[in-house]
Amino acid sequence: MSGKVIHAGTAIGCPHGGRAGAVPSASHDVLVDGLSAVSGTAVHTVTGCRHTVDGIPVPCTSIRWTPADGGVLLDGSPLLLESASARCFTAGLVPQGPPVVGGSSYEGVACG
């Protein structure tokens, strides 16, 4: 699988306008534009989602990723790419759609 690497500076949000920051790897050994890369096991916390169903708030609270097998590993888990499958979930783990990923150049990868 190919795609742009998600790092700590990548803007991620839910489809309803909530925001979630990328959670960097614990090792900080892989940098993209000087920021830590993210592994595919990361669960992102969503804040500010205003989604409602029939007037009842059911906000997105997390984003969970399903990265493809193989490829580059980061801390023993697949490196998270923008092309990885993902879903936003409520607190009760009800899926609410795919996240919106953007706002980063994804260049200048460095391993150290």
Protein backbone atom coordinates (compact mmCIF):
# COMPACT_ATOMS: atom_id res chain seq x y z
CA MET A 1 0.00 0.00 0.00
CA SER A 2 1.26 3.46 -0.76
CA GLY A 3 0.24 6.86 0.47
CA LYS A 4 1.34 9.92 2.36
CA VAL A 5 2.71 9.42 5.88
CA ILE A 6 0.62 10.79 8.74
CA HIS A 7 2.65 12.61 11.40
CA ALA A 8 2.08 14.67 14.56
CA GLY A 9 1.34 17.78 12.47
CA THR A 10 -1.32 16.20 10.26
CA ALA A 11 -4.77 17.75 10.62
CA ILE A 12 -7.38 15.02 11.15
CA GLY A 13 -11.08 15.48 11.83
CA CYS A 14 -14.44 13.77 11.75
CA PRO A 15 -16.93 14.36 8.91
CA HIS A 16 -18.98 16.63 11.21
CA GLY A 17 -16.27 19.20 11.94
CA GLY A 18 -14.69 17.67 15.05
CA ARG A 19 -10.88 17.70 15.29
CA ALA A 20 -8.33 15.10 16.31
CA GLY A 21 -4.59 15.50 16.44
CA ALA A 22 -2.33 12.72 15.24
CA VAL A 23 -0.78 10.76 18.13
CA PRO A 24 2.96 10.39 17.47
CA SER A 25 4.92 7.19 17.92
CA ALA A 26 6.47 6.68 21.35
CA SER A 27 9.96 6.15 19.91
CA HIS A 28 10.21 9.42 17.91
CA ASP A 29 12.69 7.61 15.61
CA VAL A 30 10.89 8.46 12.37
CA LEU A 31 10.36 12.13 11.59
CA VAL A 32 8.37 13.75 8.79
CA ASP A 33 9.04 17.45 8.38
CA GLY A 34 10.69 17.26 11.81
CA LEU A 35 7.54 15.81 13.46
CA SER A 36 7.08 12.25 14.76
CA ALA A 37 5.38 9.75 12.45
CA VAL A 38 2.28 7.87 13.64
CA SER A 39 1.75 4.10 13.83
CA GLY A 40 -1.45 2.45 12.63
CA THR A 41 -2.39 1.27 16.12
CA ALA A 42 -3.03 4.83 17.30
CA VAL A 43 -6.55 5.73 18.43
CA HIS A 44 -7.22 9.44 18.00
CA THR A 45 -9.53 11.33 20.35
CA VAL A 46 -12.05 13.60 18.62
CA THR A 47 -13.17 16.89 20.17
CA GLY A 48 -15.74 19.39 18.99
CA CYS A 49 -17.99 17.04 16.98
CA ARG A 50 -21.52 18.44 16.86
CA HIS A 51 -23.23 15.52 15.12
CA THR A 52 -26.86 14.92 16.14
CA VAL A 53 -29.50 12.34 15.23
CA ASP A 54 -33.11 13.45 15.63
CA GLY A 55 -31.88 16.37 17.77
CA ILE A 56 -29.89 14.13 20.14
CA PRO A 57 -26.11 14.69 20.30
CA VAL A 58 -24.12 11.65 19.16
CA PRO A 59 -20.66 13.11 18.67
CA CYS A 60 -17.65 11.30 17.25
CA THR A 61 -15.22 10.62 20.10
CA SER A 62 -12.49 8.55 18.44
CA ILE A 63 -10.90 7.57 15.15
CA ARG A 64 -9.65 4.01 14.70
CA TRP A 65 -7.41 2.93 11.84
CA THR A 66 -7.05 -0.36 9.98
CA PRO A 67 -3.69 -0.13 8.23
CA ALA A 68 -2.76 -2.60 5.50
CA ASP A 69 -0.51 -5.51 6.42
CA GLY A 70 3.11 -5.36 5.37
CA GLY A 71 5.09 -2.29 4.49
CA VAL A 72 7.14 -0.18 6.84
CA LEU A 73 6.80 -0.90 10.57
CA LEU A 74 7.02 1.72 13.29
CA ASP A 75 7.39 0.41 16.84
CA GLY A 76 6.31 -3.01 15.49
CA SER A 77 3.10 -1.64 13.92
CA PRO A 78 2.45 -0.48 10.36
CA LEU A 79 3.35 3.13 9.62
CA LEU A 80 0.09 5.08 9.29
CA LEU A 81 -0.61 6.30 5.77
CA GLU A 82 -3.34 8.65 4.63
CA SER A 83 -4.68 5.85 2.42
CA ALA A 84 -5.32 3.51 5.42
CA SER A 85 -8.89 2.55 6.15
CA ALA A 86 -10.37 4.41 9.13
CA ARG A 87 -13.66 5.15 10.84
CA CYS A 88 -14.91 7.73 13.32
CA PHE A 89 -16.85 6.31 16.27
CA THR A 90 -19.19 7.49 19.03
CA ALA A 91 -18.44 6.75 22.70
CA GLY A 92 -20.54 3.58 22.25
CA LEU A 93 -18.33 2.58 19.26
CA VAL A 94 -21.04 3.22 16.68
CA PRO A 95 -19.32 4.01 13.34
CA GLN A 96 -20.08 7.48 11.93
CA GLY A 97 -18.08 7.75 8.75
CA PRO A 98 -14.51 8.17 7.58
CA PRO A 99 -12.19 10.83 8.97
CA VAL A 100 -11.03 13.85 7.01
CA VAL A 101 -7.23 13.98 6.68
CA GLY A 102 -5.23 16.94 5.39
CA GLY A 103 -3.21 20.00 6.17
CA SER A 104 0.30 18.67 5.90
CA SER A 105 3.04 18.46 3.31
CA TYR A 106 4.15 14.90 4.19
CA GLU A 107 7.68 15.48 2.92
CA GLY A 108 11.15 15.29 4.39
CA VAL A 109 11.03 11.82 5.99
CA ALA A 110 14.01 11.12 8.28
CA CYS A 111 14.86 7.98 10.24
CA GLY A 112 17.22 8.16 13.18
